[in-house]
Amino acid sequence: MNVDDLQWQKAHLGGVLPRFVDEILARGGLETLVEAAREREDWFCAVGAVRGLCAAGEFERAWTVVEAFAAAGWQPAVRTGADVLVRWDRVEQALELAHPGRRGQESAEAWRDYAEALVRAGRADEAMDVLSPYLREGWVLRSLVEMTDGQGCDERVLEVLTPLAEGFRHAKGQRGARDLREAPLAPTGHLWEALPAQARVLERSGRVDEAIRLLGADVAARRYGPENTVGFYVELLARHGRVEELRDLATGGRRTAAASPYVKVLENLGRAEEAEAYLRDCMAGEHPGWSESILMDLLIRQRRFDDAIEAVGHTFDELYDGNLLQAALILLAEQGRPDLAIGLTEGRSPEYLAENETYWLRSNRWWLMGEAGRAREAIAQIEALPADEVDDRELTIAWLLAQDGRVEEAIALLRPLPGRSAANDLAELLIRQNRLAEAVAVIPDVAAQRREQEMERKRAASDSVGGWGGPSTVEASST
């Protein structure tokens, strides 16, 4: 088992893509995944196989699949293996596998995974003792909250989190009152994350009012780190329908963070007209771009397509920031209106077309035509252009052929094409036809994909050596 290959696969989504694994499992291809995990040492197939086997109660087979990966000492596999063993009621074996000291692995990630195994084994107090040296790391705080959810130990978690949150509040208060001429205080690190962590546990334990009161006071006093603390507070209010508090934020100094949740809460309460009026008032302000985007989302959700286009159409020919054309195309397609979206790609200004037609606009138009049942027309447009003017020409045509119901023609076009992208497109079509083992077989294994990536890297480096005389990087990579 090559740990370097496993790490590359996880970092680059190599091997069989996770979404393919999910689809294969949903189509009854569990044994295909088991085989791929064994023969190809494919991590994502192994994870899918473990998930399917555990769902069927076949924990011994699930352990057989993951055992070789875990034996290599690779942390994600150790974590998955320990989870299988706990579910199989092999708790001591799971803890022995996960214990970092027994593997010479002392990272915070490894101790986090060991703590999670302890929680799953019903030993939450031990888990929190294990994590205590690492709790100044924000991601460890988040992990503690996640791993203890539903484990019946919220009060114990709060005993750990509350002193950290209060310590951060005290430190921030000292900083606010401190004379700048004095020596700086010790850094608080990532302890600001204790504030939303505490609120999250209070919320799930039924103490919503307390969570809102504490975090609201923190936001008002600017006791937080990055703005995502404010975002969590806004979402907390939205989850519990606190319209008045949201309105105060959305009409005050937290407009950018609060506007979208406020609008959705009003919409859910049947007050969409009020939400629309709020957004149109915002559009009259100095920075209207973000409110236009939220208004477009609102109107399209209500299937008021013409109103949505009218509200934001003035941005469609903007050459730089603030253009909402692509967002409009995607939203309309998601709502089953690709025909309307196609019309928006046409009639754009000459300046906008000069900069965007070949770069992305026409490829989006062909995609929309495929969604609208006009695949043959799109193929004719592509074939009328010189072959070297269309990036990924064969891949696009193959997708359009499949949209037109000519799947075997699409497969025949893709099969001889080199490269990972063509292989993935081919595999996707084969999966749709329930040719699951064949789909996995056409995807290059991790070693082959790494060789392809290295060759691409060398080609890119060679191209760049020529300086101005070499090919344009933008042209070479545009799609």
Protein backbone atom coordinates (compact mmCIF):
# COMPACT_ATOMS: atom_id res chain seq x y z
CA MET A 1 0.00 0.00 0.00
CA ASN A 2 1.66 3.23 -1.19
CA VAL A 3 0.87 5.99 1.31
CA ASP A 4 2.17 8.68 -1.05
CA ASP A 5 -0.29 7.50 -3.72
CA LEU A 6 -3.10 7.52 -1.18
CA GLN A 7 -2.28 11.05 -0.10
CA TRP A 8 -2.11 12.22 -3.72
CA GLN A 9 -5.43 10.57 -4.48
CA LYS A 10 -7.13 12.31 -1.58
CA ALA A 11 -5.59 15.71 -2.38
CA HIS A 12 -6.33 15.58 -6.13
CA LEU A 13 -9.55 13.52 -6.21
CA GLY A 14 -7.61 10.89 -8.08
CA GLY A 15 -8.69 7.39 -9.00
CA VAL A 16 -12.45 6.89 -9.15
CA LEU A 17 -14.20 10.16 -8.36
CA PRO A 18 -16.26 10.16 -5.11
CA ARG A 19 -19.43 11.13 -7.02
CA PHE A 20 -18.94 8.08 -9.26
CA VAL A 21 -18.51 5.91 -6.17
CA ASP A 22 -21.77 7.25 -4.76
CA GLU A 23 -23.59 6.55 -8.03
CA ILE A 24 -22.14 3.04 -8.34
CA LEU A 25 -23.21 2.25 -4.78
CA ALA A 26 -26.70 3.65 -5.40
CA ARG A 27 -27.00 1.41 -8.47
CA GLY A 28 -26.18 -1.75 -6.55
CA GLY A 29 -22.49 -1.92 -7.46
CA LEU A 30 -21.16 -2.70 -3.98
CA GLU A 31 -19.11 -5.68 -5.15
CA THR A 32 -17.59 -3.57 -7.94
CA LEU A 33 -16.31 -1.16 -5.30
CA VAL A 34 -14.99 -3.98 -3.09
CA GLU A 35 -13.07 -5.37 -6.06
CA ALA A 36 -11.69 -1.95 -7.05
CA ALA A 37 -10.52 -1.30 -3.50
CA ARG A 38 -8.63 -4.58 -3.47
CA GLU A 39 -7.26 -4.66 -7.00
CA ARG A 40 -6.61 -0.95 -7.63
CA GLU A 41 -5.93 0.16 -4.05
CA ASP A 42 -8.43 2.93 -4.76
CA TRP A 43 -9.24 4.83 -1.57
CA PHE A 44 -12.55 6.34 -2.64
CA CYS A 45 -13.78 2.92 -3.76
CA ALA A 46 -12.70 1.53 -0.39
CA VAL A 47 -14.64 4.24 1.46
CA GLY A 48 -17.73 3.53 -0.64
CA ALA A 49 -17.40 -0.21 -0.11
CA VAL A 50 -17.05 0.26 3.66
CA ARG A 51 -20.11 2.50 3.71
CA GLY A 52 -22.19 -0.03 1.80
CA LEU A 53 -21.02 -3.02 3.83
CA CYS A 54 -21.61 -1.29 7.16
CA ALA A 55 -25.09 -0.27 6.03
CA ALA A 56 -25.75 -3.96 5.37
CA GLY A 57 -24.36 -4.94 8.77
CA GLU A 58 -21.36 -6.72 7.19
CA PHE A 59 -18.76 -5.22 9.51
CA GLU A 60 -16.26 -8.06 9.19
CA ARG A 61 -16.12 -7.64 5.41
CA ALA A 62 -15.92 -3.87 5.82
CA TRP A 63 -12.89 -4.32 8.08
CA THR A 64 -11.33 -6.65 5.52
CA VAL A 65 -11.65 -3.91 2.89
CA VAL A 66 -10.09 -1.15 4.99
CA GLU A 67 -7.56 -3.20 6.98
CA ALA A 68 -4.73 -3.02 4.44
CA PHE A 69 -5.14 0.78 4.11
CA ALA A 70 -5.18 1.23 7.89
CA ALA A 71 -2.16 -1.05 8.34
CA ALA A 72 -0.13 1.41 6.27
CA GLY A 73 -0.64 3.96 9.04
CA TRP A 74 -2.30 6.53 6.78
CA GLN A 75 -4.43 8.65 9.07
CA PRO A 76 -7.69 8.82 7.03
CA ALA A 77 -7.63 5.02 6.76
CA VAL A 78 -6.89 4.63 10.47
CA ARG A 79 -9.89 6.85 11.22
CA THR A 80 -12.17 4.84 8.93
CA GLY A 81 -10.87 1.52 10.25
CA ALA A 82 -11.44 2.55 13.86
CA ASP A 83 -14.99 3.57 13.01
CA VAL A 84 -15.67 0.16 11.45
CA LEU A 85 -14.26 -1.65 14.48
CA VAL A 86 -16.37 0.39 16.92
CA ARG A 87 -19.49 -0.33 14.91
CA TRP A 88 -18.48 -4.03 14.88
CA ASP A 89 -18.25 -3.82 18.70
CA ARG A 90 -14.49 -4.38 18.61
CA VAL A 91 -13.94 -1.33 20.80
CA GLU A 92 -10.56 -2.20 22.32
CA GLN A 93 -9.18 -3.15 18.91
CA ALA A 94 -10.47 0.17 17.54
CA LEU A 95 -8.81 2.16 20.31
CA GLU A 96 -5.56 0.27 19.89
CA LEU A 97 -5.59 1.02 16.16
CA ALA A 98 -6.40 4.70 16.66
CA HIS A 99 -4.01 5.41 19.55
CA PRO A 100 -1.32 7.72 18.12
CA GLY A 101 1.34 6.78 20.66
CA ARG A 102 1.31 3.14 19.59
CA ARG A 103 1.99 4.21 16.00
CA GLY A 104 4.55 6.90 16.71
CA GLN A 105 2.10 9.46 15.35
CA GLU A 106 1.73 12.50 17.60
CA SER A 107 -0.11 14.99 15.38
CA ALA A 108 -3.19 16.88 16.57
CA GLU A 109 -5.15 15.19 13.76
CA ALA A 110 -4.24 11.73 15.07
CA TRP A 111 -5.23 12.64 18.64
CA ARG A 112 -8.47 14.12 17.33
CA ASP A 113 -9.29 10.82 15.62
CA TYR A 114 -8.43 8.89 18.77
CA ALA A 115 -10.71 11.16 20.78
CA GLU A 116 -13.51 10.54 18.31
CA ALA A 117 -13.09 6.78 18.75
CA LEU A 118 -13.30 7.29 22.51
CA VAL A 119 -16.52 9.28 22.15
CA ARG A 120 -18.01 6.61 19.92
CA ALA A 121 -17.06 4.06 22.59
CA GLY A 122 -18.97 6.07 25.23
CA ARG A 123 -15.84 7.47 26.90
CA ALA A 124 -16.38 11.18 26.29
CA ASP A 125 -14.56 12.33 29.45
CA GLU A 126 -11.39 10.58 28.30
CA ALA A 127 -11.80 12.08 24.85
CA MET A 128 -11.89 15.61 26.23
CA ASP A 129 -8.82 14.94 28.36
CA VAL A 130 -7.02 13.75 25.24
CA LEU A 131 -7.96 16.87 23.30
CA SER A 132 -7.23 19.39 26.05
CA PRO A 133 -3.65 20.18 24.88
CA TYR A 134 -4.95 21.07 21.40
CA LEU A 135 -8.07 23.10 22.12
CA ARG A 136 -6.46 26.41 21.21
CA GLU A 137 -6.60 25.16 17.61
CA GLY A 138 -9.88 26.29 16.09
CA TRP A 139 -10.37 23.17 13.99
CA VAL A 140 -9.98 20.98 17.08
CA LEU A 141 -12.73 22.96 18.81
CA ARG A 142 -14.98 22.44 15.81
CA SER A 143 -14.16 18.73 15.78
CA LEU A 144 -15.01 18.41 19.46
CA VAL A 145 -18.44 19.90 18.83
CA GLU A 146 -19.06 17.66 15.83
CA MET A 147 -17.91 14.38 17.36
CA THR A 148 -20.01 14.84 20.52
CA ASP A 149 -23.24 15.73 18.71
CA GLY A 150 -25.97 13.33 19.81
CA GLN A 151 -23.71 11.57 22.32
CA GLY A 152 -25.51 12.82 25.43
CA CYS A 153 -22.53 14.73 26.81
CA ASP A 154 -23.36 18.34 25.98
CA GLU A 155 -23.01 19.54 29.58
CA ARG A 156 -19.53 18.04 29.77
CA VAL A 157 -18.59 19.69 26.49
CA LEU A 158 -19.82 23.02 27.79
CA GLU A 159 -17.64 22.58 30.86
CA VAL A 160 -14.68 22.53 28.48
CA LEU A 161 -15.83 25.24 26.09
CA THR A 162 -17.18 27.85 28.51
CA PRO A 163 -13.84 28.70 30.19
CA LEU A 164 -12.23 29.05 26.75
CA ALA A 165 -15.02 31.31 25.51
CA GLU A 166 -14.94 33.42 28.68
CA GLY A 167 -11.16 33.62 28.49
CA PHE A 168 -11.39 35.00 24.96
CA ARG A 169 -14.07 37.49 25.99
CA HIS A 170 -11.92 38.67 28.87
CA ALA A 171 -8.83 38.99 26.67
CA LYS A 172 -10.72 40.97 24.06
CA GLY A 173 -12.08 43.24 26.78
CA GLN A 174 -8.57 43.86 28.07
CA ARG A 175 -7.35 44.69 24.59
CA GLY A 176 -10.16 47.14 24.08
CA ALA A 177 -9.32 48.99 27.29
CA ARG A 178 -5.54 48.70 27.16
CA ASP A 179 -3.32 51.72 26.58
CA LEU A 180 -1.64 51.18 23.23
CA ARG A 181 1.65 52.46 24.68
CA GLU A 182 1.89 49.44 26.94
CA ALA A 183 3.31 46.08 25.92
CA PRO A 184 0.94 43.93 23.85
CA LEU A 185 -1.06 41.16 25.45
CA ALA A 186 -0.41 37.51 24.69
CA PRO A 187 -2.10 36.38 21.46
CA THR A 188 -5.47 34.68 21.74
CA GLY A 189 -4.79 32.38 18.78
CA HIS A 190 -7.92 30.71 17.44
CA LEU A 191 -9.84 30.92 20.73
CA TRP A 192 -12.44 33.13 19.06
CA GLU A 193 -13.78 29.84 17.68
CA ALA A 194 -14.89 28.97 21.21
CA LEU A 195 -17.69 31.54 20.87
CA PRO A 196 -19.65 29.89 18.01
CA ALA A 197 -18.68 26.46 19.39
CA GLN A 198 -20.26 27.29 22.74
CA ALA A 199 -23.36 28.71 21.04
CA ARG A 200 -23.71 25.61 18.86
CA VAL A 201 -23.70 23.27 21.84
CA LEU A 202 -26.10 25.49 23.78
CA GLU A 203 -28.44 25.50 20.79
CA ARG A 204 -28.48 21.74 20.30
CA SER A 205 -29.03 21.18 24.03
CA GLY A 206 -32.17 23.33 23.94
CA ARG A 207 -30.71 26.52 25.42
CA VAL A 208 -31.36 28.65 22.35
CA ASP A 209 -32.12 31.89 24.17
CA GLU A 210 -28.85 31.66 26.08
CA ALA A 211 -26.90 30.98 22.87
CA ILE A 212 -28.47 34.00 21.16
CA ARG A 213 -27.90 36.24 24.19
CA LEU A 214 -24.23 35.36 24.56
CA LEU A 215 -23.31 35.49 20.89
CA GLY A 216 -25.41 38.59 20.30
CA ALA A 217 -23.48 40.40 23.05
CA ASP A 218 -20.20 39.25 21.48
CA VAL A 219 -21.19 40.58 18.07
CA ALA A 220 -22.40 43.87 19.52
CA ALA A 221 -19.13 44.33 21.41
CA ARG A 222 -17.05 43.17 18.42
CA ARG A 223 -15.64 40.29 20.44
CA TYR A 224 -14.86 37.87 17.65
CA GLY A 225 -12.28 36.83 15.13
CA PRO A 226 -13.09 36.68 11.42
CA GLU A 227 -16.51 37.67 10.16
CA ASN A 228 -17.73 34.05 10.09
CA THR A 229 -18.55 34.43 13.78
CA VAL A 230 -21.05 37.08 12.73
CA GLY A 231 -22.26 34.73 10.00
CA PHE A 232 -22.88 31.98 12.52
CA TYR A 233 -24.86 34.37 14.72
CA VAL A 234 -26.98 35.44 11.77
CA GLU A 235 -27.68 31.83 10.79
CA LEU A 236 -28.54 31.02 14.41
CA LEU A 237 -31.14 33.79 14.39
CA ALA A 238 -32.48 32.60 11.03
CA ARG A 239 -32.85 28.99 12.18
CA HIS A 240 -35.09 30.14 15.02
CA GLY A 241 -37.08 32.76 13.12
CA ARG A 242 -35.81 35.75 15.10
CA VAL A 243 -37.05 38.27 12.56
CA GLU A 244 -36.68 41.41 14.67
CA GLU A 245 -33.04 40.73 15.56
CA LEU A 246 -32.30 39.88 11.93
CA ARG A 247 -33.96 43.07 10.73
CA ASP A 248 -31.80 45.13 13.09
CA LEU A 249 -28.67 43.53 11.65
CA ALA A 250 -29.85 43.63 8.03
CA THR A 251 -30.71 47.32 8.20
CA GLY A 252 -27.71 48.27 10.31
CA GLY A 253 -23.99 47.66 10.28
CA ARG A 254 -24.26 43.92 9.46
CA ARG A 255 -26.22 44.28 6.25
CA THR A 256 -23.89 42.19 4.07
CA ALA A 257 -23.89 39.22 6.47
CA ALA A 258 -27.57 39.41 7.43
CA ALA A 259 -29.34 40.31 4.19
CA SER A 260 -29.65 36.86 2.61
CA PRO A 261 -30.74 35.00 5.80
CA TYR A 262 -33.19 37.82 6.59
CA VAL A 263 -34.71 37.59 3.12
CA LYS A 264 -35.09 33.80 3.35
CA VAL A 265 -36.74 33.98 6.76
CA LEU A 266 -39.24 36.53 5.45
CA GLU A 267 -39.87 34.37 2.39
CA ASN A 268 -40.45 31.28 4.55
CA LEU A 269 -42.96 33.26 6.60
CA GLY A 270 -44.91 34.20 3.45
CA ARG A 271 -43.59 37.76 3.48
CA ALA A 272 -41.76 37.71 0.14
CA GLU A 273 -43.08 41.13 -0.86
CA GLU A 274 -41.50 42.59 2.27
CA ALA A 275 -38.21 40.88 1.42
CA GLU A 276 -38.32 42.23 -2.12
CA ALA A 277 -39.00 45.77 -0.92
CA TYR A 278 -36.06 45.55 1.49
CA LEU A 279 -33.70 44.45 -1.31
CA ARG A 280 -34.88 47.13 -3.71
CA ASP A 281 -34.22 49.73 -1.02
CA CYS A 282 -30.71 48.30 -0.66
CA MET A 283 -30.17 48.59 -4.42
CA ALA A 284 -30.61 52.33 -4.12
CA GLY A 285 -27.61 52.51 -1.79
CA GLU A 286 -23.96 53.07 -2.56
CA HIS A 287 -23.01 49.41 -3.05
CA PRO A 288 -25.97 47.71 -4.73
CA GLY A 289 -24.25 44.70 -6.36
CA TRP A 290 -24.68 42.15 -3.58
CA SER A 291 -28.37 43.04 -3.07
CA GLU A 292 -29.07 42.63 -6.79
CA SER A 293 -27.73 39.08 -6.63
CA ILE A 294 -29.95 38.22 -3.63
CA LEU A 295 -32.96 39.81 -5.34
CA MET A 296 -32.36 37.76 -8.47
CA ASP A 297 -32.23 34.57 -6.37
CA LEU A 298 -35.48 35.53 -4.63
CA LEU A 299 -37.38 36.33 -7.83
CA ILE A 300 -36.17 33.22 -9.62
CA ARG A 301 -37.16 31.02 -6.65
CA GLN A 302 -40.63 32.54 -7.06
CA ARG A 303 -40.43 31.74 -10.79
CA ARG A 304 -40.75 35.43 -11.64
CA PHE A 305 -38.14 35.05 -14.35
CA ASP A 306 -38.88 38.19 -16.35
CA ASP A 307 -38.83 40.31 -13.19
CA ALA A 308 -35.50 38.77 -12.17
CA ILE A 309 -33.91 39.51 -15.54
CA GLU A 310 -35.26 43.04 -15.52
CA ALA A 311 -33.83 43.63 -12.04
CA VAL A 312 -30.27 42.59 -12.88
CA GLY A 313 -30.10 42.75 -16.67
CA HIS A 314 -28.20 46.04 -16.58
CA THR A 315 -25.18 44.11 -15.24
CA PHE A 316 -25.01 41.60 -18.11
CA ASP A 317 -22.65 43.64 -20.28
CA GLU A 318 -20.33 44.68 -17.46
CA LEU A 319 -16.82 43.61 -18.36
CA TYR A 320 -15.52 43.09 -14.85
CA ASP A 321 -16.94 42.99 -11.31
CA GLY A 322 -20.68 42.93 -10.75
CA ASN A 323 -21.72 40.98 -13.84
CA LEU A 324 -24.52 38.55 -12.93
CA LEU A 325 -24.96 36.93 -16.34
CA GLN A 326 -23.38 33.57 -15.54
CA ALA A 327 -25.20 33.35 -12.21
CA ALA A 328 -28.47 34.03 -14.05
CA LEU A 329 -27.72 31.30 -16.62
CA ILE A 330 -27.10 28.72 -13.90
CA LEU A 331 -30.17 29.66 -11.85
CA LEU A 332 -32.46 29.59 -14.88
CA ALA A 333 -31.13 26.21 -15.97
CA GLU A 334 -31.66 24.83 -12.45
CA GLN A 335 -35.27 26.03 -12.63
CA GLY A 336 -35.82 24.22 -15.93
CA ARG A 337 -35.64 27.31 -18.14
CA PRO A 338 -32.54 26.79 -20.31
CA ASP A 339 -34.41 28.29 -23.26
CA LEU A 340 -34.71 31.61 -21.47
CA ALA A 341 -31.07 31.43 -20.42
CA ILE A 342 -29.95 30.90 -24.03
CA GLY A 343 -31.59 34.16 -24.98
CA LEU A 344 -29.48 35.98 -22.41
CA THR A 345 -26.26 34.77 -24.07
CA GLU A 346 -27.32 36.43 -27.32
CA GLY A 347 -27.51 40.11 -28.10
CA ARG A 348 -24.71 41.07 -25.75
CA SER A 349 -22.66 44.19 -26.48
CA PRO A 350 -19.80 43.95 -29.01
CA GLU A 351 -17.30 44.81 -26.25
CA TYR A 352 -18.58 42.04 -24.00
CA LEU A 353 -18.61 39.49 -26.83
CA ALA A 354 -15.08 40.41 -27.86
CA GLU A 355 -13.82 39.56 -24.39
CA ASN A 356 -16.05 36.62 -23.44
CA GLU A 357 -17.59 34.88 -26.47
CA THR A 358 -14.78 32.41 -27.14
CA TYR A 359 -13.60 32.34 -23.52
CA TRP A 360 -16.77 30.99 -21.88
CA LEU A 361 -20.01 32.33 -23.33
CA ARG A 362 -20.45 30.07 -26.32
CA SER A 363 -19.52 26.92 -24.35
CA ASN A 364 -22.24 27.84 -21.86
CA ARG A 365 -24.63 28.41 -24.75
CA TRP A 366 -23.93 24.91 -26.10
CA TRP A 367 -24.49 23.44 -22.63
CA LEU A 368 -27.82 25.25 -22.36
CA MET A 369 -28.82 24.12 -25.84
CA GLY A 370 -28.15 20.55 -24.78
CA GLU A 371 -30.35 21.04 -21.73
CA ALA A 372 -33.08 22.62 -23.90
CA GLY A 373 -33.30 19.70 -26.35
CA ARG A 374 -31.32 21.50 -29.07
CA ALA A 375 -28.24 19.29 -28.93
CA ARG A 376 -28.13 18.66 -32.68
CA GLU A 377 -28.16 22.38 -33.37
CA ALA A 378 -25.30 22.88 -30.92
CA ILE A 379 -23.27 20.07 -32.52
CA ALA A 380 -23.77 21.65 -35.94
CA GLN A 381 -22.47 24.97 -34.61
CA ILE A 382 -19.37 23.30 -33.17
CA GLU A 383 -18.65 21.32 -36.33
CA ALA A 384 -18.95 24.48 -38.42
CA LEU A 385 -16.01 26.01 -36.53
CA PRO A 386 -12.34 25.16 -37.19
CA ALA A 387 -11.37 22.27 -34.89
CA ASP A 388 -8.57 24.21 -33.22
CA GLU A 389 -10.93 27.02 -32.20
CA VAL A 390 -12.97 24.90 -29.78
CA ASP A 391 -11.35 23.66 -26.59
CA ASP A 392 -12.37 20.13 -25.56
CA ARG A 393 -14.23 19.77 -28.85
CA GLU A 394 -14.74 16.00 -28.73
CA LEU A 395 -15.74 16.02 -25.06
CA THR A 396 -18.37 18.68 -25.73
CA ILE A 397 -19.76 16.86 -28.75
CA ALA A 398 -19.86 13.58 -26.82
CA TRP A 399 -21.87 15.21 -24.03
CA LEU A 400 -24.29 16.68 -26.57
CA LEU A 401 -24.66 13.31 -28.29
CA ALA A 402 -25.61 11.77 -24.96
CA GLN A 403 -28.10 14.58 -24.32
CA ASP A 404 -29.63 13.76 -27.70
CA GLY A 405 -30.06 10.11 -26.71
CA ARG A 406 -27.18 8.86 -28.89
CA VAL A 407 -25.24 7.36 -26.00
CA GLU A 408 -23.44 4.66 -27.97
CA GLU A 409 -22.16 7.27 -30.44
CA ALA A 410 -20.92 9.33 -27.50
CA ILE A 411 -19.17 6.30 -26.00
CA ALA A 412 -17.54 5.46 -29.32
CA LEU A 413 -16.27 9.04 -29.63
CA LEU A 414 -14.84 9.11 -26.11
CA ARG A 415 -13.29 5.64 -25.95
CA PRO A 416 -10.11 6.35 -27.97
CA LEU A 417 -9.48 9.78 -26.45
CA PRO A 418 -6.50 10.06 -24.09
CA GLY A 419 -6.48 11.70 -20.70
CA ARG A 420 -8.32 11.61 -17.41
CA SER A 421 -11.12 14.00 -18.46
CA ALA A 422 -12.18 11.82 -21.39
CA ALA A 423 -11.98 8.69 -19.22
CA ASN A 424 -14.21 10.27 -16.57
CA ASP A 425 -16.76 11.38 -19.16
CA LEU A 426 -16.77 7.86 -20.61
CA ALA A 427 -17.14 6.30 -17.16
CA GLU A 428 -20.09 8.56 -16.38
CA LEU A 429 -21.95 7.38 -19.48
CA LEU A 430 -21.19 3.74 -18.69
CA ILE A 431 -22.46 4.16 -15.13
CA ARG A 432 -25.72 5.57 -16.46
CA GLN A 433 -26.10 2.36 -18.46
CA ASN A 434 -25.36 0.23 -15.37
CA ARG A 435 -22.09 -1.01 -16.91
CA LEU A 436 -20.45 -0.47 -13.55
CA ALA A 437 -17.37 -2.70 -13.67
CA GLU A 438 -16.61 -1.46 -17.18
CA ALA A 439 -16.91 2.14 -15.96
CA VAL A 440 -14.32 1.59 -13.24
CA ALA A 441 -12.02 -0.23 -15.66
CA VAL A 442 -11.82 2.69 -18.12
CA ILE A 443 -10.63 5.11 -15.43
CA PRO A 444 -6.81 5.17 -15.19
CA ASP A 445 -5.52 4.04 -11.82
CA VAL A 446 -3.80 6.46 -9.45
CA ALA A 447 -0.28 5.69 -10.68
CA ALA A 448 -1.29 6.39 -14.29
CA GLN A 449 -3.05 9.60 -13.30
CA ARG A 450 0.03 10.79 -11.44
CA ARG A 451 2.18 10.11 -14.51
CA GLU A 452 -0.26 12.12 -16.63
CA GLN A 453 -0.13 15.02 -14.19
CA GLU A 454 3.68 14.99 -14.20
CA MET A 455 3.77 15.03 -17.99
CA GLU A 456 1.37 17.98 -18.04
CA ARG A 457 3.56 19.79 -15.52
CA LYS A 458 6.66 19.24 -17.66
CA ARG A 459 4.85 20.44 -20.79
CA ALA A 460 3.68 23.57 -18.99
CA ALA A 461 7.21 24.24 -17.75
CA SER A 462 8.60 23.73 -21.26
CA ASP A 463 6.03 26.10 -22.75
CA SER A 464 6.87 28.81 -20.23
CA VAL A 465 10.59 28.71 -21.03
CA GLY A 466 10.01 30.47 -24.34
CA GLY A 467 8.72 33.61 -22.60
CA TRP A 468 6.86 35.90 -24.98
CA GLY A 469 7.55 33.56 -27.86
CA GLY A 470 5.75 30.61 -26.27
CA PRO A 471 2.04 29.80 -26.34
CA SER A 472 -0.28 31.87 -24.19
CA THR A 473 -0.98 30.18 -20.85
CA VAL A 474 -4.49 31.67 -20.86
CA GLU A 475 -5.20 30.31 -24.31
CA ALA A 476 -3.82 26.92 -23.40
CA SER A 477 -5.96 26.58 -20.28
CA SER A 478 -9.20 28.32 -21.23
CA THR A 479 -12.32 26.23 -21.49
